[in-house]
Amino acid sequence: MTLKEYWQKNKRGLLLLIGILGTVIASFGLWELLIEFDQIDRDYELPLLDQVDMWAWFLIIIGAIIAIGGFLYYHDLNKRYKKFVELMDTDSKAAFVRNLPEIEECAIDLGPEYETQVIDKRKKLKVKTR
């Protein structure tokens, strides 16, 4: 399995993980910054963060960018997933054909297994392909 296939198959979980990772990185930077400005006693300094010192601002900025990007993309993907499920949950051929462009767009964004679901639904409802 290639990296691209793995990404397509596990995109939702990986995006959530990226958002959480960004939050952790930003939190480490914030923690070190609080210690640097004597808001927290130095006894509570984390051993791995001894070397961070003035890189704390960098960690906060990079962590925030990663977290915001990951969570926004995750939210967008979840919206598409819910929309896809809602549009696919019909036994009416007319409703399916009416929503087909939107369903196909969502399936392409979500990945190959969702495209297969659309193809199977087309066969089930006997919708002709272009």
C-alpha atoms as a PDB file:
ATOM      1  CA  MET A   1       0.000   0.000   0.000  1.00  0.00           C
ATOM      2  CA  THR A   2       1.468   3.327  -1.019  1.00  0.00           C
ATOM      3  CA  LEU A   3       1.453   6.430   1.130  1.00  0.00           C
ATOM      4  CA  LYS A   4      -1.163   8.068  -1.107  1.00  0.00           C
ATOM      5  CA  GLU A   5      -3.514   5.088  -0.769  1.00  0.00           C
ATOM      6  CA  TYR A   6      -3.002   5.044   3.000  1.00  0.00           C
ATOM      7  CA  TRP A   7      -3.782   8.783   3.167  1.00  0.00           C
ATOM      8  CA  GLN A   8      -6.957   8.370   1.084  1.00  0.00           C
ATOM      9  CA  LYS A   9      -8.164   5.462   3.192  1.00  0.00           C
ATOM     10  CA  ASN A  10      -7.466   7.038   6.609  1.00  0.00           C
ATOM     11  CA  LYS A  11      -7.793  10.740   5.836  1.00  0.00           C
ATOM     12  CA  ARG A  12     -10.330  11.573   8.555  1.00  0.00           C
ATOM     13  CA  GLY A  13      -8.355   9.984  11.384  1.00  0.00           C
ATOM     14  CA  LEU A  14      -5.040  11.379  10.174  1.00  0.00           C
ATOM     15  CA  LEU A  15      -6.435  14.908   9.957  1.00  0.00           C
ATOM     16  CA  LEU A  16      -7.736  14.659  13.500  1.00  0.00           C
ATOM     17  CA  LEU A  17      -4.317  13.394  14.581  1.00  0.00           C
ATOM     18  CA  ILE A  18      -2.634  16.331  12.811  1.00  0.00           C
ATOM     19  CA  GLY A  19      -4.916  18.778  14.626  1.00  0.00           C
ATOM     20  CA  ILE A  20      -4.152  17.173  17.981  1.00  0.00           C
ATOM     21  CA  LEU A  21      -0.414  17.143  17.231  1.00  0.00           C
ATOM     22  CA  GLY A  22      -0.506  20.877  16.416  1.00  0.00           C
ATOM     23  CA  THR A  23      -2.325  21.545  19.686  1.00  0.00           C
ATOM     24  CA  VAL A  24       0.313  19.606  21.639  1.00  0.00           C
ATOM     25  CA  ILE A  25       3.165  21.472  19.916  1.00  0.00           C
ATOM     26  CA  ALA A  26       1.545  24.840  20.632  1.00  0.00           C
ATOM     27  CA  SER A  27       0.925  23.793  24.245  1.00  0.00           C
ATOM     28  CA  PHE A  28       4.596  22.888  24.706  1.00  0.00           C
ATOM     29  CA  GLY A  29       5.595  26.288  23.366  1.00  0.00           C
ATOM     30  CA  LEU A  30       3.107  28.046  25.630  1.00  0.00           C
ATOM     31  CA  TRP A  31       4.293  26.043  28.639  1.00  0.00           C
ATOM     32  CA  GLU A  32       7.920  26.998  27.985  1.00  0.00           C
ATOM     33  CA  LEU A  33       6.934  30.638  27.464  1.00  0.00           C
ATOM     34  CA  LEU A  34       5.088  30.711  30.782  1.00  0.00           C
ATOM     35  CA  ILE A  35       8.189  29.319  32.500  1.00  0.00           C
ATOM     36  CA  GLU A  36      10.375  31.864  30.677  1.00  0.00           C
ATOM     37  CA  PHE A  37       8.234  34.778  31.926  1.00  0.00           C
ATOM     38  CA  ASP A  38       8.227  33.332  35.481  1.00  0.00           C
ATOM     39  CA  GLN A  39       4.496  32.636  35.497  1.00  0.00           C
ATOM     40  CA  ILE A  40       5.174  29.019  36.429  1.00  0.00           C
ATOM     41  CA  ASP A  41       7.838  27.782  38.831  1.00  0.00           C
ATOM     42  CA  ARG A  42      10.923  26.321  37.105  1.00  0.00           C
ATOM     43  CA  ASP A  43      10.440  23.110  39.099  1.00  0.00           C
ATOM     44  CA  TYR A  44       7.595  22.244  36.716  1.00  0.00           C
ATOM     45  CA  GLU A  45       9.708  22.533  33.578  1.00  0.00           C
ATOM     46  CA  LEU A  46       9.415  19.456  31.366  1.00  0.00           C
ATOM     47  CA  PRO A  47      12.765  17.705  30.782  1.00  0.00           C
ATOM     48  CA  LEU A  48      12.460  17.587  26.997  1.00  0.00           C
ATOM     49  CA  LEU A  49      11.647  21.292  26.835  1.00  0.00           C
ATOM     50  CA  ASP A  50      14.878  22.464  28.491  1.00  0.00           C
ATOM     51  CA  GLN A  51      16.364  23.249  25.095  1.00  0.00           C
ATOM     52  CA  VAL A  52      13.341  25.106  23.701  1.00  0.00           C
ATOM     53  CA  ASP A  53      13.933  28.453  25.466  1.00  0.00           C
ATOM     54  CA  MET A  54      13.484  31.154  22.811  1.00  0.00           C
ATOM     55  CA  TRP A  55      12.046  28.739  20.270  1.00  0.00           C
ATOM     56  CA  ALA A  56       8.815  28.838  22.276  1.00  0.00           C
ATOM     57  CA  TRP A  57       7.288  31.544  20.072  1.00  0.00           C
ATOM     58  CA  PHE A  58       8.130  29.508  16.998  1.00  0.00           C
ATOM     59  CA  LEU A  59       6.487  26.407  18.510  1.00  0.00           C
ATOM     60  CA  ILE A  60       3.344  28.355  19.394  1.00  0.00           C
ATOM     61  CA  ILE A  61       2.996  29.822  15.900  1.00  0.00           C
ATOM     62  CA  ILE A  62       3.772  26.598  14.026  1.00  0.00           C
ATOM     63  CA  GLY A  63       1.641  24.515  16.390  1.00  0.00           C
ATOM     64  CA  ALA A  64      -1.302  26.891  16.034  1.00  0.00           C
ATOM     65  CA  ILE A  65      -1.054  26.840  12.229  1.00  0.00           C
ATOM     66  CA  ILE A  66      -0.896  23.042  12.158  1.00  0.00           C
ATOM     67  CA  ALA A  67      -3.764  22.688  14.656  1.00  0.00           C
ATOM     68  CA  ILE A  68      -6.054  25.173  12.921  1.00  0.00           C
ATOM     69  CA  GLY A  69      -5.332  23.733   9.488  1.00  0.00           C
ATOM     70  CA  GLY A  70      -5.816  20.144  10.650  1.00  0.00           C
ATOM     71  CA  PHE A  71      -9.046  20.814  12.523  1.00  0.00           C
ATOM     72  CA  LEU A  72     -10.548  22.965   9.739  1.00  0.00           C
ATOM     73  CA  TYR A  73      -9.759  20.379   7.085  1.00  0.00           C
ATOM     74  CA  TYR A  74     -11.098  17.638   9.375  1.00  0.00           C
ATOM     75  CA  HIS A  75     -14.314  19.611   9.899  1.00  0.00           C
ATOM     76  CA  ASP A  76     -14.693  20.160   6.146  1.00  0.00           C
ATOM     77  CA  LEU A  77     -14.164  16.466   5.451  1.00  0.00           C
ATOM     78  CA  ASN A  78     -16.724  15.495   8.102  1.00  0.00           C
ATOM     79  CA  LYS A  79     -19.264  17.875   6.558  1.00  0.00           C
ATOM     80  CA  ARG A  80     -18.727  16.239   3.172  1.00  0.00           C
ATOM     81  CA  TYR A  81     -19.029  12.784   4.704  1.00  0.00           C
ATOM     82  CA  LYS A  82     -22.337  13.646   6.397  1.00  0.00           C
ATOM     83  CA  LYS A  83     -23.638  15.211   3.188  1.00  0.00           C
ATOM     84  CA  PHE A  84     -22.568  12.135   1.202  1.00  0.00           C
ATOM     85  CA  VAL A  85     -24.306   9.759   3.617  1.00  0.00           C
ATOM     86  CA  GLU A  86     -27.448  11.897   3.617  1.00  0.00           C
ATOM     87  CA  LEU A  87     -27.604  12.062  -0.194  1.00  0.00           C
ATOM     88  CA  MET A  88     -26.838   8.362  -0.637  1.00  0.00           C
ATOM     89  CA  ASP A  89     -29.532   7.342   1.840  1.00  0.00           C
ATOM     90  CA  THR A  90     -32.327   7.277  -0.724  1.00  0.00           C
ATOM     91  CA  ASP A  91     -34.096   4.536  -2.594  1.00  0.00           C
ATOM     92  CA  SER A  92     -35.647   6.985  -5.042  1.00  0.00           C
ATOM     93  CA  LYS A  93     -34.007   6.888  -8.450  1.00  0.00           C
ATOM     94  CA  ALA A  94     -35.210  10.433  -9.235  1.00  0.00           C
ATOM     95  CA  ALA A  95     -33.707  11.877  -6.050  1.00  0.00           C
ATOM     96  CA  PHE A  96     -30.467  10.000  -6.650  1.00  0.00           C
ATOM     97  CA  VAL A  97     -30.151  11.239 -10.250  1.00  0.00           C
ATOM     98  CA  ARG A  98     -31.021  14.794  -9.173  1.00  0.00           C
ATOM     99  CA  ASN A  99     -28.256  14.768  -6.547  1.00  0.00           C
ATOM    100  CA  LEU A 100     -25.767  12.727  -8.567  1.00  0.00           C
ATOM    101  CA  PRO A 101     -23.305  15.564  -9.386  1.00  0.00           C
ATOM    102  CA  GLU A 102     -23.160  16.530  -5.723  1.00  0.00           C
ATOM    103  CA  ILE A 103     -22.808  12.888  -4.636  1.00  0.00           C
ATOM    104  CA  GLU A 104     -19.976  12.285  -7.101  1.00  0.00           C
ATOM    105  CA  GLU A 105     -18.169  15.447  -5.984  1.00  0.00           C
ATOM    106  CA  CYS A 106     -18.351  14.351  -2.347  1.00  0.00           C
ATOM    107  CA  ALA A 107     -17.220  10.824  -3.263  1.00  0.00           C
ATOM    108  CA  ILE A 108     -14.177  12.122  -5.146  1.00  0.00           C
ATOM    109  CA  ASP A 109     -13.196  14.271  -2.165  1.00  0.00           C
ATOM    110  CA  LEU A 110     -13.688  11.412   0.286  1.00  0.00           C
ATOM    111  CA  GLY A 111     -11.755   8.754  -1.597  1.00  0.00           C
ATOM    112  CA  PRO A 112     -11.940   5.621  -3.732  1.00  0.00           C
ATOM    113  CA  GLU A 113     -14.093   3.496  -1.418  1.00  0.00           C
ATOM    114  CA  TYR A 114     -16.846   6.123  -1.565  1.00  0.00           C
ATOM    115  CA  GLU A 115     -16.602   6.246  -5.340  1.00  0.00           C
ATOM    116  CA  THR A 116     -17.202   2.484  -5.339  1.00  0.00           C
ATOM    117  CA  GLN A 117     -20.302   3.016  -3.204  1.00  0.00           C
ATOM    118  CA  VAL A 118     -21.634   5.462  -5.806  1.00  0.00           C
ATOM    119  CA  ILE A 119     -20.973   2.961  -8.601  1.00  0.00           C
ATOM    120  CA  ASP A 120     -22.740   0.204  -6.635  1.00  0.00           C
ATOM    121  CA  LYS A 121     -25.711   2.481  -5.950  1.00  0.00           C
ATOM    122  CA  ARG A 122     -25.870   3.352  -9.663  1.00  0.00           C
ATOM    123  CA  LYS A 123     -26.013  -0.346 -10.525  1.00  0.00           C
ATOM    124  CA  LYS A 124     -28.641  -1.000  -7.865  1.00  0.00           C
ATOM    125  CA  LEU A 125     -30.903   1.812  -9.108  1.00  0.00           C
ATOM    126  CA  LYS A 126     -30.044   1.080 -12.770  1.00  0.00           C
ATOM    127  CA  VAL A 127     -28.840   4.604 -13.518  1.00  0.00           C
ATOM    128  CA  LYS A 128     -27.063   4.846 -16.846  1.00  0.00           C
ATOM    129  CA  THR A 129     -23.527   6.207 -16.832  1.00  0.00           C
ATOM    130  CA  ARG A 130     -22.462   9.022 -19.082  1.00  0.00           C
END
